[in-house]
Amino acid sequence: MAYDVKWKDDFTEQLFEAILALEDKEECYRFFEDIATIGEIKTLAQRLEVARMLRAGQTYDKITERTGVSTATISRVKKYLHYGSDGYKTILERLEKAGKLLQPEEE
């Protein structure tokens, strides 16, 4: 069954087609640097790290210390990690399988 996206429109379709057309990490860096602010990119990256750390059983204090995000952001990510559309779950599993998840020394 196809995923029903309520916020899907022609613009988001084009955006996701563009992202899927990127061929390597350098193209990703170049595209995202042009389309988003560095702050927006860093925020997305922080949220992914929060999801990884939550999945690893880390405490809010440890997550805040490492990422600098608020407890409200951690709670929001936790909500979507457990009750969302499985986007975090899917990508974390794929990154783990590929050996590309961050593995901080002190967890």
Protein backbone atom coordinates (compact mmCIF):
# COMPACT_ATOMS: atom_id res chain seq x y z
CA MET A 1 0.00 0.00 0.00
CA ALA A 2 1.34 3.41 -0.97
CA TYR A 3 2.09 5.91 1.76
CA ASP A 4 -0.56 8.66 1.86
CA VAL A 5 1.22 11.98 2.29
CA LYS A 6 -1.19 14.74 3.24
CA TRP A 7 1.25 17.57 2.54
CA LYS A 8 2.39 16.27 -0.87
CA ASP A 9 2.17 18.70 -3.77
CA ASP A 10 3.96 19.35 -7.07
CA PHE A 11 6.71 21.35 -5.36
CA THR A 12 7.55 18.65 -2.80
CA GLU A 13 7.39 15.99 -5.53
CA GLN A 14 9.93 17.96 -7.55
CA LEU A 15 12.14 18.46 -4.48
CA PHE A 16 12.22 14.76 -3.63
CA GLU A 17 12.84 13.82 -7.27
CA ALA A 18 15.78 16.25 -7.21
CA ILE A 19 17.17 14.69 -4.03
CA LEU A 20 16.79 11.18 -5.44
CA ALA A 21 18.63 12.30 -8.61
CA LEU A 22 21.77 13.26 -6.66
CA GLU A 23 24.51 10.76 -7.48
CA ASP A 24 27.02 11.11 -4.65
CA LYS A 25 27.77 12.83 -1.36
CA GLU A 26 29.54 15.77 -3.02
CA GLU A 27 26.44 16.48 -5.12
CA CYS A 28 24.38 16.33 -1.91
CA TYR A 29 26.62 18.88 -0.21
CA ARG A 30 26.48 21.18 -3.23
CA PHE A 31 22.70 20.92 -3.65
CA PHE A 32 21.85 21.34 0.02
CA GLU A 33 24.25 24.27 0.39
CA ASP A 34 22.38 26.01 -2.43
CA ILE A 35 18.84 25.12 -1.34
CA ALA A 36 19.06 25.51 2.45
CA THR A 37 20.94 27.54 5.00
CA ILE A 38 23.80 25.91 6.85
CA GLY A 39 21.69 26.21 10.01
CA GLU A 40 18.79 24.32 8.42
CA ILE A 41 21.11 21.55 7.25
CA LYS A 42 22.75 21.31 10.68
CA THR A 43 19.30 21.14 12.33
CA LEU A 44 18.30 18.19 10.14
CA ALA A 45 21.61 16.49 10.89
CA GLN A 46 21.14 17.06 14.64
CA ARG A 47 17.66 15.51 14.53
CA LEU A 48 19.02 12.41 12.84
CA GLU A 49 21.71 12.14 15.52
CA VAL A 50 19.07 12.58 18.24
CA ALA A 51 17.09 9.71 16.69
CA ARG A 52 20.22 7.54 16.56
CA MET A 53 21.03 8.27 20.19
CA LEU A 54 17.45 7.65 21.35
CA ARG A 55 17.46 4.34 19.51
CA ALA A 56 20.72 3.50 21.30
CA GLY A 57 19.05 4.18 24.66
CA GLN A 58 20.88 7.39 25.51
CA THR A 59 19.49 9.80 28.11
CA TYR A 60 18.11 13.24 27.31
CA ASP A 61 21.03 14.79 29.23
CA LYS A 62 23.60 12.93 27.16
CA ILE A 63 21.78 13.78 23.93
CA THR A 64 21.55 17.48 24.85
CA GLU A 65 25.23 17.52 25.83
CA ARG A 66 26.31 15.94 22.53
CA THR A 67 23.97 17.71 20.11
CA GLY A 68 23.02 20.96 21.82
CA VAL A 69 19.32 20.47 21.08
CA SER A 70 16.57 21.23 23.56
CA THR A 71 14.64 18.59 25.45
CA ALA A 72 11.56 19.70 23.44
CA THR A 73 13.36 18.73 20.22
CA ILE A 74 14.41 15.40 21.73
CA SER A 75 10.80 14.73 22.77
CA ARG A 76 9.54 15.59 19.28
CA VAL A 77 12.09 13.29 17.63
CA LYS A 78 11.23 10.54 20.13
CA LYS A 79 7.54 10.90 19.28
CA TYR A 80 8.23 10.50 15.56
CA LEU A 81 10.73 7.72 16.16
CA HIS A 82 8.06 5.70 17.94
CA TYR A 83 4.78 6.91 16.43
CA GLY A 84 5.74 8.52 13.13
CA SER A 85 5.88 7.24 9.58
CA ASP A 86 8.92 5.00 10.20
CA GLY A 87 11.20 7.36 8.29
CA TYR A 88 13.77 7.51 11.10
CA LYS A 89 13.55 3.75 11.59
CA THR A 90 14.08 3.05 7.89
CA ILE A 91 17.09 5.30 7.48
CA LEU A 92 18.74 4.32 10.76
CA GLU A 93 18.46 0.64 9.85
CA ARG A 94 19.92 1.29 6.39
CA LEU A 95 22.79 3.36 7.75
CA GLU A 96 23.50 0.73 10.38
CA LYS A 97 23.48 -2.06 7.80
CA ALA A 98 25.89 -0.06 5.63
CA GLY A 99 28.15 0.67 8.63
CA LYS A 100 27.60 4.42 8.29
CA LEU A 101 26.01 5.30 11.64
CA LEU A 102 28.09 7.46 13.94
CA GLN A 103 29.61 5.49 16.81
CA PRO A 104 30.78 7.95 19.48
CA GLU A 105 33.41 6.50 21.78
CA GLU A 106 31.65 7.30 25.03
CA GLU A 107 28.17 5.83 24.81
